[in-house]
Amino acid sequence: MRKLPSFSTIIGVLLIAIFAIVMVIGYQARKYGQIGAGYIAHQMCSCLYVQNRDEQSCRAEIGNQMDRAQIVYLDERVIVNFSGLDQAEARLKPGYGCNVQDFVGSMPAAVLTEPTAD
């Protein structure tokens, strides 16, 4: 007759499985956060500083993803925190458009509520 594993062994295995599942979900959420933050930062930077459009028309074009993003506009750059999952910065490089990079650090306070028109 085969002996069943102890109760503590079963609980231990279940806790390890739950931990692994949470880690995988967290990793995937962070990846989606990176994609979302980079996309919104690039689109807003290009729309505002390359196409010289106003913020409302840019927001309307991007759609409902904007609802989950915190955006800060600084001098020819846009910093986005997407759903608290990740942050990205898009900076205008004259002659090349907007370049996206990871933004490391805490979100700056909004210096400008809306980008200024040149």
Protein backbone atom coordinates (compact mmCIF):
# COMPACT_ATOMS: atom_id res chain seq x y z
CA MET A 1 0.00 0.00 0.00
CA ARG A 2 1.26 3.42 -0.97
CA LYS A 3 1.66 6.13 1.66
CA LEU A 4 0.13 9.56 0.91
CA PRO A 5 2.27 12.69 1.28
CA SER A 6 1.89 14.55 4.54
CA PHE A 7 -0.42 17.53 4.87
CA SER A 8 2.51 19.94 5.25
CA THR A 9 4.09 18.60 2.05
CA ILE A 10 0.87 19.13 0.10
CA ILE A 11 0.52 22.69 1.48
CA GLY A 12 4.18 23.41 0.65
CA VAL A 13 3.78 22.24 -2.93
CA LEU A 14 0.59 24.28 -3.32
CA LEU A 15 2.29 27.42 -1.96
CA ILE A 16 5.22 26.97 -4.35
CA ALA A 17 2.82 26.50 -7.28
CA ILE A 18 0.83 29.61 -6.31
CA PHE A 19 4.05 31.62 -5.96
CA ALA A 20 5.22 30.49 -9.41
CA ILE A 21 1.88 31.43 -10.97
CA VAL A 22 1.93 34.88 -9.33
CA MET A 23 5.49 35.48 -10.56
CA VAL A 24 4.58 34.55 -14.15
CA ILE A 25 1.50 36.79 -14.09
CA GLY A 26 3.55 39.64 -12.61
CA TYR A 27 6.22 39.25 -15.28
CA GLN A 28 3.63 39.32 -18.06
CA ALA A 29 1.89 42.35 -16.53
CA ARG A 30 5.21 44.21 -16.42
CA LYS A 31 5.84 43.40 -20.09
CA TYR A 32 2.41 44.74 -21.02
CA GLY A 33 3.19 47.80 -18.92
CA GLN A 34 6.43 48.38 -20.83
CA ILE A 35 4.65 48.09 -24.15
CA GLY A 36 1.78 50.36 -23.07
CA ALA A 37 4.02 53.04 -21.58
CA GLY A 38 6.35 53.08 -24.59
CA TYR A 39 3.49 53.19 -27.07
CA ILE A 40 1.68 56.06 -25.38
CA ALA A 41 4.89 58.02 -24.79
CA HIS A 42 5.93 57.69 -28.44
CA GLN A 43 2.49 58.50 -29.84
CA MET A 44 2.00 61.55 -27.62
CA CYS A 45 5.51 62.87 -28.27
CA SER A 46 5.15 62.46 -32.04
CA CYS A 47 1.67 63.93 -32.09
CA LEU A 48 2.55 66.94 -29.93
CA TYR A 49 6.09 67.82 -30.94
CA VAL A 50 6.45 66.47 -34.49
CA GLN A 51 2.92 67.08 -35.81
CA ASN A 52 2.33 70.14 -33.54
CA ARG A 53 -1.20 69.06 -32.64
CA ASP A 54 -3.08 69.83 -29.42
CA GLU A 55 -3.29 67.33 -26.56
CA GLN A 56 -7.00 66.60 -26.90
CA SER A 57 -6.74 65.52 -30.55
CA CYS A 58 -3.76 63.32 -29.68
CA ARG A 59 -5.62 61.71 -26.77
CA ALA A 60 -8.66 61.09 -28.97
CA GLU A 61 -6.52 59.37 -31.58
CA ILE A 62 -4.82 57.02 -29.13
CA GLY A 63 -8.07 55.97 -27.49
CA ASN A 64 -9.05 54.47 -24.18
CA GLN A 65 -5.52 53.28 -23.27
CA MET A 66 -4.98 56.85 -22.10
CA ASP A 67 -7.35 56.26 -19.18
CA ARG A 68 -4.78 54.00 -17.50
CA ALA A 69 -1.80 56.31 -18.04
CA GLN A 70 -0.32 59.11 -15.99
CA ILE A 71 1.41 61.53 -18.36
CA VAL A 72 3.86 64.33 -17.62
CA TYR A 73 4.88 66.78 -20.33
CA LEU A 74 8.28 68.39 -20.05
CA ASP A 75 10.34 70.34 -22.55
CA GLU A 76 9.99 68.29 -25.77
CA ARG A 77 9.59 65.02 -23.92
CA VAL A 78 6.74 62.94 -22.56
CA ILE A 79 6.97 60.64 -19.53
CA VAL A 80 4.28 58.00 -19.08
CA ASN A 81 3.45 55.69 -16.19
CA PHE A 82 1.14 53.00 -17.51
CA SER A 83 -1.18 51.53 -14.87
CA GLY A 84 1.62 51.63 -12.32
CA LEU A 85 3.26 48.71 -14.15
CA ASP A 86 6.06 50.51 -15.96
CA GLN A 87 7.29 53.89 -17.15
CA ALA A 88 8.71 55.14 -20.43
CA GLU A 89 10.01 58.41 -21.78
CA ALA A 90 9.86 59.67 -25.34
CA ARG A 91 12.14 62.56 -26.22
CA LEU A 92 12.13 64.61 -29.40
CA LYS A 93 15.41 64.37 -31.26
CA PRO A 94 15.37 66.97 -34.05
CA GLY A 95 15.64 65.35 -37.46
CA TYR A 96 14.87 61.88 -36.04
CA GLY A 97 11.47 62.20 -34.38
CA CYS A 98 10.71 60.86 -30.91
CA ASN A 99 12.90 58.20 -29.35
CA VAL A 100 11.54 55.97 -26.58
CA GLN A 101 13.56 54.76 -23.63
CA ASP A 102 12.83 53.31 -20.21
CA PHE A 103 12.30 55.94 -17.54
CA VAL A 104 13.99 55.07 -14.26
CA GLY A 105 13.01 56.96 -11.14
CA SER A 106 9.90 58.44 -9.69
CA MET A 107 7.43 60.30 -11.86
CA PRO A 108 8.15 64.01 -11.81
CA ALA A 109 5.44 66.41 -10.78
CA ALA A 110 3.59 67.86 -13.73
CA VAL A 111 5.53 70.95 -14.73
CA LEU A 112 3.13 71.72 -17.54
CA THR A 113 -0.48 70.62 -17.49
CA GLU A 114 -0.58 70.86 -21.27
CA PRO A 115 2.24 71.17 -23.76
CA THR A 116 2.91 74.65 -24.99
CA ALA A 117 2.40 75.46 -28.65
CA ASP A 118 5.38 76.95 -30.45
